[in-house]
Amino acid sequence: YYNDWDMLQTVGLPACAGQAPSSIHKICKFEACHCNKGCVADLL
C-alpha cells in the first residue's frame, strides 16, 4: 500500500504483493502473487 511507497523507493529490490495498487507495481522490480497465496515466499 501507499504507506510502503517511500520504503519501496529506498531499497535496492522493491517488491509488491499482487493486489497492490497499480502505481505501487510501477515502482517495483519484482511483482509477487496475491498476499493470500504467499507473496513473501515468492520474493524469497
PDB file of all heavy atoms in Angstrom:
ATOM      1  N   TYR A   1       0.835  -1.203   0.000  1.00  0.00           N
ATOM      2  CA  TYR A   1       0.000   0.000   0.000  1.00  0.00           C
ATOM      3  C   TYR A   1       0.869   1.252   0.000  1.00  0.00           C
ATOM      4  O   TYR A   1       2.102   1.179   0.066  1.00  0.00           O
ATOM      5  CB  TYR A   1      -0.958  -0.025   1.200  1.00  0.00           C
ATOM      6  CG  TYR A   1      -2.166   0.876   1.011  1.00  0.00           C
ATOM      7  CD1 TYR A   1      -3.114   0.604   0.025  1.00  0.00           C
ATOM      8  CD2 TYR A   1      -2.342   2.010   1.796  1.00  0.00           C
ATOM      9  CE1 TYR A   1      -4.214   1.433  -0.168  1.00  0.00           C
ATOM     10  CE2 TYR A   1      -3.443   2.844   1.614  1.00  0.00           C
ATOM     11  CZ  TYR A   1      -4.373   2.549   0.631  1.00  0.00           C
ATOM     12  OH  TYR A   1      -5.445   3.374   0.446  1.00  0.00           O
ATOM     13  N   TYR A   2       0.202   2.433  -0.041  1.00  0.00           N
ATOM     14  CA  TYR A   2       0.916   3.691  -0.196  1.00  0.00           C
ATOM     15  C   TYR A   2       1.813   4.036   0.990  1.00  0.00           C
ATOM     16  O   TYR A   2       2.779   4.785   0.826  1.00  0.00           O
ATOM     17  CB  TYR A   2      -0.077   4.827  -0.445  1.00  0.00           C
ATOM     18  CG  TYR A   2      -0.842   4.663  -1.737  1.00  0.00           C
ATOM     19  CD1 TYR A   2      -2.199   4.374  -1.725  1.00  0.00           C
ATOM     20  CD2 TYR A   2      -0.194   4.769  -2.966  1.00  0.00           C
ATOM     21  CE1 TYR A   2      -2.907   4.200  -2.909  1.00  0.00           C
ATOM     22  CE2 TYR A   2      -0.885   4.602  -4.153  1.00  0.00           C
ATOM     23  CZ  TYR A   2      -2.244   4.311  -4.126  1.00  0.00           C
ATOM     24  OH  TYR A   2      -2.928   4.131  -5.302  1.00  0.00           O
ATOM     25  N   ASN A   3       1.538   3.485   2.177  1.00  0.00           N
ATOM     26  CA  ASN A   3       2.442   3.742   3.294  1.00  0.00           C
ATOM     27  C   ASN A   3       3.753   2.984   3.132  1.00  0.00           C
ATOM     28  O   ASN A   3       4.697   3.174   3.908  1.00  0.00           O
ATOM     29  CB  ASN A   3       1.780   3.389   4.633  1.00  0.00           C
ATOM     30  CG  ASN A   3       1.361   1.941   4.719  1.00  0.00           C
ATOM     31  OD1 ASN A   3       0.876   1.352   3.759  1.00  0.00           O
ATOM     32  ND2 ASN A   3       1.532   1.354   5.881  1.00  0.00           N
ATOM     33  N   ASP A   4       3.845   2.126   2.109  1.00  0.00           N
ATOM     34  CA  ASP A   4       5.098   1.423   1.790  1.00  0.00           C
ATOM     35  C   ASP A   4       5.859   2.126   0.664  1.00  0.00           C
ATOM     36  O   ASP A   4       6.943   1.684   0.286  1.00  0.00           O
ATOM     37  CB  ASP A   4       4.802  -0.025   1.361  1.00  0.00           C
ATOM     38  CG  ASP A   4       4.137  -0.836   2.447  1.00  0.00           C
ATOM     39  OD1 ASP A   4       4.584  -0.739   3.609  1.00  0.00           O
ATOM     40  OD2 ASP A   4       3.176  -1.575   2.151  1.00  0.00           O
ATOM     41  N   TRP A   5       5.286   3.184   0.122  1.00  0.00           N
ATOM     42  CA  TRP A   5       5.860   3.855  -1.056  1.00  0.00           C
ATOM     43  C   TRP A   5       7.309   4.276  -0.831  1.00  0.00           C
ATOM     44  O   TRP A   5       8.204   3.934  -1.625  1.00  0.00           O
ATOM     45  CB  TRP A   5       5.006   5.067  -1.415  1.00  0.00           C
ATOM     46  CG  TRP A   5       5.485   5.839  -2.618  1.00  0.00           C
ATOM     47  CD1 TRP A   5       6.453   6.800  -2.660  1.00  0.00           C
ATOM     48  CD2 TRP A   5       5.014   5.697  -3.963  1.00  0.00           C
ATOM     49  NE1 TRP A   5       6.614   7.282  -3.936  1.00  0.00           N
ATOM     50  CE2 TRP A   5       5.741   6.616  -4.757  1.00  0.00           C
ATOM     51  CE3 TRP A   5       4.047   4.891  -4.568  1.00  0.00           C
ATOM     52  CZ2 TRP A   5       5.524   6.754  -6.126  1.00  0.00           C
ATOM     53  CZ3 TRP A   5       3.836   5.031  -5.943  1.00  0.00           C
ATOM     54  CH2 TRP A   5       4.579   5.951  -6.699  1.00  0.00           C
ATOM     55  N   ASP A   6       7.569   5.033   0.237  1.00  0.00           N
ATOM     56  CA  ASP A   6       8.929   5.513   0.489  1.00  0.00           C
ATOM     57  C   ASP A   6       9.893   4.350   0.735  1.00  0.00           C
ATOM     58  O   ASP A   6      11.051   4.390   0.304  1.00  0.00           O
ATOM     59  CB  ASP A   6       8.942   6.461   1.695  1.00  0.00           C
ATOM     60  CG  ASP A   6       8.264   7.787   1.388  1.00  0.00           C
ATOM     61  OD1 ASP A   6       8.375   8.260   0.242  1.00  0.00           O
ATOM     62  OD2 ASP A   6       7.630   8.354   2.295  1.00  0.00           O
ATOM     63  N   MET A   7       9.431   3.319   1.433  1.00  0.00           N
ATOM     64  CA  MET A   7      10.245   2.127   1.667  1.00  0.00           C
ATOM     65  C   MET A   7      10.660   1.498   0.339  1.00  0.00           C
ATOM     66  O   MET A   7      11.839   1.180   0.121  1.00  0.00           O
ATOM     67  CB  MET A   7       9.462   1.122   2.507  1.00  0.00           C
ATOM     68  CG  MET A   7      10.112  -0.236   2.657  1.00  0.00           C
ATOM     69  SD  MET A   7       9.139  -1.397   3.659  1.00  0.00           S
ATOM     70  CE  MET A   7       7.890  -1.940   2.464  1.00  0.00           C
ATOM     71  N   LEU A   8       9.709   1.340  -0.557  1.00  0.00           N
ATOM     72  CA  LEU A   8       9.991   0.699  -1.839  1.00  0.00           C
ATOM     73  C   LEU A   8      10.878   1.556  -2.734  1.00  0.00           C
ATOM     74  O   LEU A   8      11.661   1.035  -3.531  1.00  0.00           O
ATOM     75  CB  LEU A   8       8.671   0.364  -2.548  1.00  0.00           C
ATOM     76  CG  LEU A   8       7.774  -0.640  -1.803  1.00  0.00           C
ATOM     77  CD1 LEU A   8       6.416  -0.759  -2.486  1.00  0.00           C
ATOM     78  CD2 LEU A   8       8.441  -1.997  -1.676  1.00  0.00           C
ATOM     79  N   GLN A   9      10.774   2.865  -2.585  1.00  0.00           N
ATOM     80  CA  GLN A   9      11.627   3.776  -3.365  1.00  0.00           C
ATOM     81  C   GLN A   9      13.060   3.810  -2.849  1.00  0.00           C
ATOM     82  O   GLN A   9      13.957   4.252  -3.559  1.00  0.00           O
ATOM     83  CB  GLN A   9      11.039   5.201  -3.310  1.00  0.00           C
ATOM     84  CG  GLN A   9       9.749   5.373  -4.070  1.00  0.00           C
ATOM     85  CD  GLN A   9       9.959   5.629  -5.553  1.00  0.00           C
ATOM     86  OE1 GLN A   9      10.600   4.851  -6.255  1.00  0.00           O
ATOM     87  NE2 GLN A   9       9.425   6.731  -6.043  1.00  0.00           N
ATOM     88  N   THR A  10      13.260   3.319  -1.635  1.00  0.00           N
ATOM     89  CA  THR A  10      14.569   3.436  -0.979  1.00  0.00           C
ATOM     90  C   THR A  10      15.453   2.215  -1.197  1.00  0.00           C
ATOM     91  O   THR A  10      16.666   2.344  -1.394  1.00  0.00           O
ATOM     92  CB  THR A  10      14.381   3.663   0.536  1.00  0.00           C
ATOM     93  OG1 THR A  10      13.594   4.834   0.738  1.00  0.00           O
ATOM     94  CG2 THR A  10      15.721   3.836   1.243  1.00  0.00           C
ATOM     95  N   VAL A  11      14.873   1.016  -1.160  1.00  0.00           N
ATOM     96  CA  VAL A  11      15.677  -0.210  -1.198  1.00  0.00           C
ATOM     97  C   VAL A  11      16.116  -0.558  -2.610  1.00  0.00           C
ATOM     98  O   VAL A  11      15.600  -0.019  -3.597  1.00  0.00           O
ATOM     99  CB  VAL A  11      14.888  -1.391  -0.587  1.00  0.00           C
ATOM    100  CG1 VAL A  11      14.515  -1.081   0.861  1.00  0.00           C
ATOM    101  CG2 VAL A  11      13.632  -1.715  -1.408  1.00  0.00           C
ATOM    102  N   GLY A  12      17.075  -1.485  -2.695  1.00  0.00           N
ATOM    103  CA  GLY A  12      17.594  -1.885  -3.999  1.00  0.00           C
ATOM    104  C   GLY A  12      16.655  -2.775  -4.788  1.00  0.00           C
ATOM    105  O   GLY A  12      16.611  -2.716  -6.025  1.00  0.00           O
ATOM    106  N   LEU A  13      15.923  -3.639  -4.080  1.00  0.00           N
ATOM    107  CA  LEU A  13      14.998  -4.556  -4.736  1.00  0.00           C
ATOM    108  C   LEU A  13      13.593  -4.381  -4.151  1.00  0.00           C
ATOM    109  O   LEU A  13      13.203  -5.059  -3.200  1.00  0.00           O
ATOM    110  CB  LEU A  13      15.465  -6.011  -4.574  1.00  0.00           C
ATOM    111  CG  LEU A  13      14.559  -7.116  -5.141  1.00  0.00           C
ATOM    112  CD1 LEU A  13      14.241  -6.873  -6.611  1.00  0.00           C
ATOM    113  CD2 LEU A  13      15.202  -8.488  -4.958  1.00  0.00           C
ATOM    114  N   PRO A  14      12.818  -3.452  -4.691  1.00  0.00           N
ATOM    115  CA  PRO A  14      11.444  -3.257  -4.218  1.00  0.00           C
ATOM    116  C   PRO A  14      10.511  -4.290  -4.827  1.00  0.00           C
ATOM    117  O   PRO A  14      10.587  -4.582  -6.030  1.00  0.00           O
ATOM    118  CB  PRO A  14      11.108  -1.842  -4.706  1.00  0.00           C
ATOM    119  CG  PRO A  14      11.953  -1.667  -5.926  1.00  0.00           C
ATOM    120  CD  PRO A  14      13.208  -2.473  -5.711  1.00  0.00           C
ATOM    121  N   ALA A  15       9.620  -4.842  -3.994  1.00  0.00           N
ATOM    122  CA  ALA A  15       8.671  -5.852  -4.458  1.00  0.00           C
ATOM    123  C   ALA A  15       7.297  -5.540  -3.883  1.00  0.00           C
ATOM    124  O   ALA A  15       7.183  -4.899  -2.832  1.00  0.00           O
ATOM    125  CB  ALA A  15       9.124  -7.245  -4.034  1.00  0.00           C
ATOM    126  N   CYS A  16       6.257  -6.015  -4.554  1.00  0.00           N
ATOM    127  CA  CYS A  16       4.909  -5.750  -4.061  1.00  0.00           C
ATOM    128  C   CYS A  16       4.038  -6.986  -4.168  1.00  0.00           C
ATOM    129  O   CYS A  16       4.262  -7.867  -5.009  1.00  0.00           O
ATOM    130  CB  CYS A  16       4.261  -4.592  -4.815  1.00  0.00           C
ATOM    131  SG  CYS A  16       4.004  -4.890  -6.567  1.00  0.00           S
ATOM    132  N   ALA A  17       3.029  -7.027  -3.296  1.00  0.00           N
ATOM    133  CA  ALA A  17       2.011  -8.062  -3.359  1.00  0.00           C
ATOM    134  C   ALA A  17       1.160  -7.845  -4.613  1.00  0.00           C
ATOM    135  O   ALA A  17       1.001  -6.719  -5.086  1.00  0.00           O
ATOM    136  CB  ALA A  17       1.143  -8.012  -2.113  1.00  0.00           C
ATOM    137  N   GLY A  18       0.594  -8.923  -5.118  1.00  0.00           N
ATOM    138  CA  GLY A  18      -0.146  -8.846  -6.376  1.00  0.00           C
ATOM    139  C   GLY A  18      -1.315  -7.898  -6.364  1.00  0.00           C
ATOM    140  O   GLY A  18      -1.647  -7.301  -7.393  1.00  0.00           O
ATOM    141  N   GLN A  19      -1.951  -7.721  -5.180  1.00  0.00           N
ATOM    142  CA  GLN A  19      -3.154  -6.878  -5.116  1.00  0.00           C
ATOM    143  C   GLN A  19      -2.833  -5.409  -4.860  1.00  0.00           C
ATOM    144  O   GLN A  19      -3.747  -4.592  -4.718  1.00  0.00           O
ATOM    145  CB  GLN A  19      -4.093  -7.391  -4.010  1.00  0.00           C
ATOM    146  CG  GLN A  19      -3.745  -6.975  -2.592  1.00  0.00           C
ATOM    147  CD  GLN A  19      -2.592  -7.737  -1.946  1.00  0.00           C
ATOM    148  OE1 GLN A  19      -2.049  -8.652  -2.564  1.00  0.00           O
ATOM    149  NE2 GLN A  19      -2.215  -7.379  -0.740  1.00  0.00           N
ATOM    150  N   ALA A  20      -1.564  -5.045  -4.820  1.00  0.00           N
ATOM    151  CA  ALA A  20      -1.177  -3.651  -4.575  1.00  0.00           C
ATOM    152  C   ALA A  20      -1.712  -2.742  -5.690  1.00  0.00           C
ATOM    153  O   ALA A  20      -1.903  -3.184  -6.825  1.00  0.00           O
ATOM    154  CB  ALA A  20       0.342  -3.537  -4.492  1.00  0.00           C
ATOM    155  N   PRO A  21      -1.947  -1.450  -5.385  1.00  0.00           N
ATOM    156  CA  PRO A  21      -2.392  -0.511  -6.417  1.00  0.00           C
ATOM    157  C   PRO A  21      -1.415  -0.448  -7.587  1.00  0.00           C
ATOM    158  O   PRO A  21      -0.213  -0.686  -7.426  1.00  0.00           O
ATOM    159  CB  PRO A  21      -2.448   0.826  -5.661  1.00  0.00           C
ATOM    160  CG  PRO A  21      -2.612   0.450  -4.229  1.00  0.00           C
ATOM    161  CD  PRO A  21      -1.847  -0.825  -4.055  1.00  0.00           C
ATOM    162  N   SER A  22      -1.916  -0.118  -8.757  1.00  0.00           N
ATOM    163  CA  SER A  22      -1.087  -0.122  -9.967  1.00  0.00           C
ATOM    164  C   SER A  22       0.115   0.797  -9.856  1.00  0.00           C
ATOM    165  O   SER A  22       1.192   0.492 -10.387  1.00  0.00           O
ATOM    166  CB  SER A  22      -1.935   0.274 -11.181  1.00  0.00           C
ATOM    167  OG  SER A  22      -2.505   1.557 -11.015  1.00  0.00           O
ATOM    168  N   SER A  23      -0.035   1.928  -9.157  1.00  0.00           N
ATOM    169  CA  SER A  23       1.097   2.850  -9.014  1.00  0.00           C
ATOM    170  C   SER A  23       2.216   2.245  -8.178  1.00  0.00           C
ATOM    171  O   SER A  23       3.393   2.577  -8.368  1.00  0.00           O
ATOM    172  CB  SER A  23       0.638   4.176  -8.403  1.00  0.00           C
ATOM    173  OG  SER A  23      -0.031   3.955  -7.172  1.00  0.00           O
ATOM    174  N   ILE A  24       1.877   1.349  -7.252  1.00  0.00           N
ATOM    175  CA  ILE A  24       2.899   0.641  -6.475  1.00  0.00           C
ATOM    176  C   ILE A  24       3.627  -0.349  -7.374  1.00  0.00           C
ATOM    177  O   ILE A  24       4.859  -0.476  -7.325  1.00  0.00           O
ATOM    178  CB  ILE A  24       2.266  -0.080  -5.259  1.00  0.00           C
ATOM    179  CG1 ILE A  24       1.636   0.933  -4.296  1.00  0.00           C
ATOM    180  CG2 ILE A  24       3.312  -0.934  -4.538  1.00  0.00           C
ATOM    181  CD1 ILE A  24       2.608   1.841  -3.586  1.00  0.00           C
ATOM    182  N   HIS A  25       2.885  -1.055  -8.211  1.00  0.00           N
ATOM    183  CA  HIS A  25       3.505  -2.004  -9.144  1.00  0.00           C
ATOM    184  C   HIS A  25       4.540  -1.310 -10.031  1.00  0.00           C
ATOM    185  O   HIS A  25       5.591  -1.883 -10.342  1.00  0.00           O
ATOM    186  CB  HIS A  25       2.431  -2.660 -10.020  1.00  0.00           C
ATOM    187  CG  HIS A  25       1.698  -3.773  -9.356  1.00  0.00           C
ATOM    188  ND1 HIS A  25       2.021  -5.104  -9.530  1.00  0.00           N
ATOM    189  CD2 HIS A  25       0.652  -3.759  -8.489  1.00  0.00           C
ATOM    190  CE1 HIS A  25       1.201  -5.866  -8.817  1.00  0.00           C
ATOM    191  NE2 HIS A  25       0.356  -5.061  -8.172  1.00  0.00           N
ATOM    192  N   LYS A  26       4.241  -0.084 -10.428  1.00  0.00           N
ATOM    193  CA  LYS A  26       5.113   0.624 -11.369  1.00  0.00           C
ATOM    194  C   LYS A  26       6.491   0.929 -10.796  1.00  0.00           C
ATOM    195  O   LYS A  26       7.453   1.078 -11.552  1.00  0.00           O
ATOM    196  CB  LYS A  26       4.436   1.921 -11.818  1.00  0.00           C
ATOM    197  CG  LYS A  26       3.245   1.686 -12.737  1.00  0.00           C
ATOM    198  CD  LYS A  26       2.562   3.000 -13.110  1.00  0.00           C
ATOM    199  CE  LYS A  26       1.346   2.756 -13.986  1.00  0.00           C
ATOM    200  NZ  LYS A  26       0.622   4.018 -14.322  1.00  0.00           N
ATOM    201  N   ILE A  27       6.605   1.050  -9.465  1.00  0.00           N
ATOM    202  CA  ILE A  27       7.909   1.379  -8.880  1.00  0.00           C
ATOM    203  C   ILE A  27       8.655   0.139  -8.391  1.00  0.00           C
ATOM    204  O   ILE A  27       9.755   0.252  -7.848  1.00  0.00           O
ATOM    205  CB  ILE A  27       7.772   2.389  -7.716  1.00  0.00           C
ATOM    206  CG1 ILE A  27       6.979   1.786  -6.551  1.00  0.00           C
ATOM    207  CG2 ILE A  27       7.148   3.684  -8.200  1.00  0.00           C
ATOM    208  CD1 ILE A  27       7.011   2.644  -5.287  1.00  0.00           C
ATOM    209  N   CYS A  28       8.070  -1.040  -8.581  1.00  0.00           N
ATOM    210  CA  CYS A  28       8.685  -2.273  -8.082  1.00  0.00           C
ATOM    211  C   CYS A  28       9.426  -3.029  -9.180  1.00  0.00           C
ATOM    212  O   CYS A  28       9.024  -3.028 -10.336  1.00  0.00           O
ATOM    213  CB  CYS A  28       7.620  -3.181  -7.460  1.00  0.00           C
ATOM    214  SG  CYS A  28       7.011  -2.558  -5.882  1.00  0.00           S
ATOM    215  N   LYS A  29      10.488  -3.701  -8.779  1.00  0.00           N
ATOM    216  CA  LYS A  29      11.283  -4.512  -9.692  1.00  0.00           C
ATOM    217  C   LYS A  29      10.852  -5.980  -9.673  1.00  0.00           C
ATOM    218  O   LYS A  29      11.246  -6.753 -10.542  1.00  0.00           O
ATOM    219  CB  LYS A  29      12.769  -4.407  -9.340  1.00  0.00           C
ATOM    220  CG  LYS A  29      13.350  -3.012  -9.508  1.00  0.00           C
ATOM    221  CD  LYS A  29      14.822  -2.977  -9.128  1.00  0.00           C
ATOM    222  CE  LYS A  29      15.408  -1.585  -9.304  1.00  0.00           C
ATOM    223  NZ  LYS A  29      16.845  -1.534  -8.899  1.00  0.00           N
ATOM    224  N   PHE A  30      10.087  -6.358  -8.651  1.00  0.00           N
ATOM    225  CA  PHE A  30       9.569  -7.730  -8.578  1.00  0.00           C
ATOM    226  C   PHE A  30       8.110  -7.665  -8.149  1.00  0.00           C
ATOM    227  O   PHE A  30       7.775  -7.035  -7.145  1.00  0.00           O
ATOM    228  CB  PHE A  30      10.373  -8.572  -7.585  1.00  0.00           C
ATOM    229  CG  PHE A  30       9.899  -9.998  -7.491  1.00  0.00           C
ATOM    230  CD1 PHE A  30      10.281 -10.934  -8.440  1.00  0.00           C
ATOM    231  CD2 PHE A  30       9.059 -10.398  -6.461  1.00  0.00           C
ATOM    232  CE1 PHE A  30       9.838 -12.244  -8.365  1.00  0.00           C
ATOM    233  CE2 PHE A  30       8.602 -11.704  -6.365  1.00  0.00           C
ATOM    234  CZ  PHE A  30       8.995 -12.640  -7.326  1.00  0.00           C
ATOM    235  N   GLU A  31       7.256  -8.321  -8.923  1.00  0.00           N
ATOM    236  CA  GLU A  31       5.830  -8.367  -8.623  1.00  0.00           C
ATOM    237  C   GLU A  31       5.456  -9.784  -8.203  1.00  0.00           C
ATOM    238  O   GLU A  31       5.556 -10.715  -8.997  1.00  0.00           O
ATOM    239  CB  GLU A  31       5.027  -7.921  -9.839  1.00  0.00           C
ATOM    240  CG  GLU A  31       5.315  -6.481 -10.246  1.00  0.00           C
ATOM    241  CD  GLU A  31       4.651  -6.089 -11.552  1.00  0.00           C
ATOM    242  OE1 GLU A  31       3.450  -5.762 -11.521  1.00  0.00           O
ATOM    243  OE2 GLU A  31       5.326  -6.117 -12.597  1.00  0.00           O
ATOM    244  N   ALA A  32       5.055  -9.929  -6.947  1.00  0.00           N
ATOM    245  CA  ALA A  32       4.723 -11.233  -6.387  1.00  0.00           C
ATOM    246  C   ALA A  32       3.236 -11.534  -6.573  1.00  0.00           C
ATOM    247  O   ALA A  32       2.479 -10.721  -7.110  1.00  0.00           O
ATOM    248  CB  ALA A  32       5.095 -11.269  -4.910  1.00  0.00           C
ATOM    249  N   CYS A  33       2.826 -12.695  -6.098  1.00  0.00           N
ATOM    250  CA  CYS A  33       1.425 -13.097  -6.181  1.00  0.00           C
ATOM    251  C   CYS A  33       0.583 -12.347  -5.151  1.00  0.00           C
ATOM    252  O   CYS A  33       1.105 -11.560  -4.354  1.00  0.00           O
ATOM    253  CB  CYS A  33       1.305 -14.604  -5.946  1.00  0.00           C
ATOM    254  SG  CYS A  33       1.824 -15.132  -4.281  1.00  0.00           S
ATOM    255  N   HIS A  34      -0.706 -12.574  -5.145  1.00  0.00           N
ATOM    256  CA  HIS A  34      -1.612 -12.001  -4.154  1.00  0.00           C
ATOM    257  C   HIS A  34      -1.182 -12.446  -2.764  1.00  0.00           C
ATOM    258  O   HIS A  34      -0.697 -13.571  -2.581  1.00  0.00           O
ATOM    259  CB  HIS A  34      -3.038 -12.469  -4.449  1.00  0.00           C
ATOM    260  CG  HIS A  34      -4.098 -11.733  -3.700  1.00  0.00           C
ATOM    261  ND1 HIS A  34      -4.336 -11.927  -2.351  1.00  0.00           N
ATOM    262  CD2 HIS A  34      -5.003 -10.794  -4.114  1.00  0.00           C
ATOM    263  CE1 HIS A  34      -5.330 -11.155  -1.962  1.00  0.00           C
ATOM    264  NE2 HIS A  34      -5.761 -10.448  -3.014  1.00  0.00           N
ATOM    265  N   CYS A  35      -1.380 -11.576  -1.777  1.00  0.00           N
ATOM    266  CA  CYS A  35      -0.946 -11.891  -0.414  1.00  0.00           C
ATOM    267  C   CYS A  35      -1.603 -13.160   0.133  1.00  0.00           C
ATOM    268  O   CYS A  35      -1.020 -13.856   0.963  1.00  0.00           O
ATOM    269  CB  CYS A  35      -1.202 -10.724   0.532  1.00  0.00           C
ATOM    270  SG  CYS A  35      -2.959 -10.341   0.805  1.00  0.00           S
ATOM    271  N   ASN A  36      -2.796 -13.483  -0.338  1.00  0.00           N
ATOM    272  CA  ASN A  36      -3.470 -14.694   0.138  1.00  0.00           C
ATOM    273  C   ASN A  36      -2.737 -15.968  -0.271  1.00  0.00           C
ATOM    274  O   ASN A  36      -2.922 -17.027   0.346  1.00  0.00           O
ATOM    275  CB  ASN A  36      -4.900 -14.759  -0.407  1.00  0.00           C
ATOM    276  CG  ASN A  36      -5.809 -13.708   0.199  1.00  0.00           C
ATOM    277  OD1 ASN A  36      -5.421 -12.992   1.118  1.00  0.00           O
ATOM    278  ND2 ASN A  36      -7.023 -13.599  -0.315  1.00  0.00           N
ATOM    279  N   LYS A  37      -1.896 -15.856  -1.299  1.00  0.00           N
ATOM    280  CA  LYS A  37      -1.208 -17.038  -1.827  1.00  0.00           C
ATOM    281  C   LYS A  37       0.252 -17.139  -1.378  1.00  0.00           C
ATOM    282  O   LYS A  37       0.930 -18.120  -1.707  1.00  0.00           O
ATOM    283  CB  LYS A  37      -1.277 -17.035  -3.359  1.00  0.00           C
ATOM    284  CG  LYS A  37      -2.700 -17.129  -3.898  1.00  0.00           C
ATOM    285  CD  LYS A  37      -2.713 -17.116  -5.416  1.00  0.00           C
ATOM    286  CE  LYS A  37      -4.131 -17.219  -5.963  1.00  0.00           C
ATOM    287  NZ  LYS A  37      -4.153 -17.201  -7.449  1.00  0.00           N
ATOM    288  N   GLY A  38       0.756 -16.127  -0.655  1.00  0.00           N
ATOM    289  CA  GLY A  38       2.128 -16.193  -0.151  1.00  0.00           C
ATOM    290  C   GLY A  38       3.119 -15.355  -0.922  1.00  0.00           C
ATOM    291  O   GLY A  38       4.107 -15.867  -1.455  1.00  0.00           O
ATOM    292  N   CYS A  39       2.882 -14.040  -0.962  1.00  0.00           N
ATOM    293  CA  CYS A  39       3.739 -13.163  -1.764  1.00  0.00           C
ATOM    294  C   CYS A  39       5.157 -13.041  -1.213  1.00  0.00           C
ATOM    295  O   CYS A  39       6.125 -12.877  -1.972  1.00  0.00           O
ATOM    296  CB  CYS A  39       3.098 -11.787  -1.912  1.00  0.00           C
ATOM    297  SG  CYS A  39       2.792 -10.909  -0.368  1.00  0.00           S
ATOM    298  N   VAL A  40       5.321 -13.124   0.105  1.00  0.00           N
ATOM    299  CA  VAL A  40       6.668 -13.047   0.688  1.00  0.00           C
ATOM    300  C   VAL A  40       7.486 -14.258   0.248  1.00  0.00           C
ATOM    301  O   VAL A  40       8.678 -14.142  -0.067  1.00  0.00           O
ATOM    302  CB  VAL A  40       6.598 -12.959   2.224  1.00  0.00           C
ATOM    303  CG1 VAL A  40       7.999 -13.001   2.839  1.00  0.00           C
ATOM    304  CG2 VAL A  40       5.886 -11.676   2.644  1.00  0.00           C
ATOM    305  N   ALA A  41       6.854 -15.426   0.204  1.00  0.00           N
ATOM    306  CA  ALA A  41       7.534 -16.630  -0.274  1.00  0.00           C
ATOM    307  C   ALA A  41       7.981 -16.463  -1.721  1.00  0.00           C
ATOM    308  O   ALA A  41       9.078 -16.897  -2.106  1.00  0.00           O
ATOM    309  CB  ALA A  41       6.620 -17.840  -0.128  1.00  0.00           C
ATOM    310  N   ASP A  42       7.137 -15.829  -2.543  1.00  0.00           N
ATOM    311  CA  ASP A  42       7.517 -15.564  -3.939  1.00  0.00           C
ATOM    312  C   ASP A  42       8.829 -14.797  -4.004  1.00  0.00           C
ATOM    313  O   ASP A  42       9.741 -15.153  -4.771  1.00  0.00           O
ATOM    314  CB  ASP A  42       6.425 -14.742  -4.628  1.00  0.00           C
ATOM    315  CG  ASP A  42       5.436 -15.596  -5.410  1.00  0.00           C
ATOM    316  OD1 ASP A  42       5.480 -16.833  -5.291  1.00  0.00           O
ATOM    317  OD2 ASP A  42       4.595 -15.002  -6.126  1.00  0.00           O
ATOM    318  N   LEU A  43       8.949 -13.743  -3.217  1.00  0.00           N
ATOM    319  CA  LEU A  43      10.159 -12.920  -3.219  1.00  0.00           C
ATOM    320  C   LEU A  43      11.363 -13.705  -2.719  1.00  0.00           C
ATOM    321  O   LEU A  43      12.441 -13.681  -3.333  1.00  0.00           O
ATOM    322  CB  LEU A  43       9.947 -11.668  -2.358  1.00  0.00           C
ATOM    323  CG  LEU A  43      11.182 -10.783  -2.137  1.00  0.00           C
ATOM    324  CD1 LEU A  43      11.732 -10.261  -3.459  1.00  0.00           C
ATOM    325  CD2 LEU A  43      10.861  -9.632  -1.195  1.00  0.00           C
ATOM    326  N   LEU A  44      11.204 -14.410  -1.620  1.00  0.00           N
ATOM    327  CA  LEU A  44      12.327 -15.167  -1.058  1.00  0.00           C
ATOM    328  C   LEU A  44      12.778 -16.285  -1.992  1.00  0.00           C
ATOM    329  O   LEU A  44      13.985 -16.544  -2.144  1.00  0.00           O
ATOM    330  CB  LEU A  44      11.945 -15.725   0.306  1.00  0.00           C
ATOM    331  CG  LEU A  44      11.743 -14.681   1.406  1.00  0.00           C
ATOM    332  CD1 LEU A  44      11.229 -15.340   2.686  1.00  0.00           C
ATOM    333  CD2 LEU A  44      13.039 -13.926   1.703  1.00  0.00           C
TER     334      LEU A  44
END
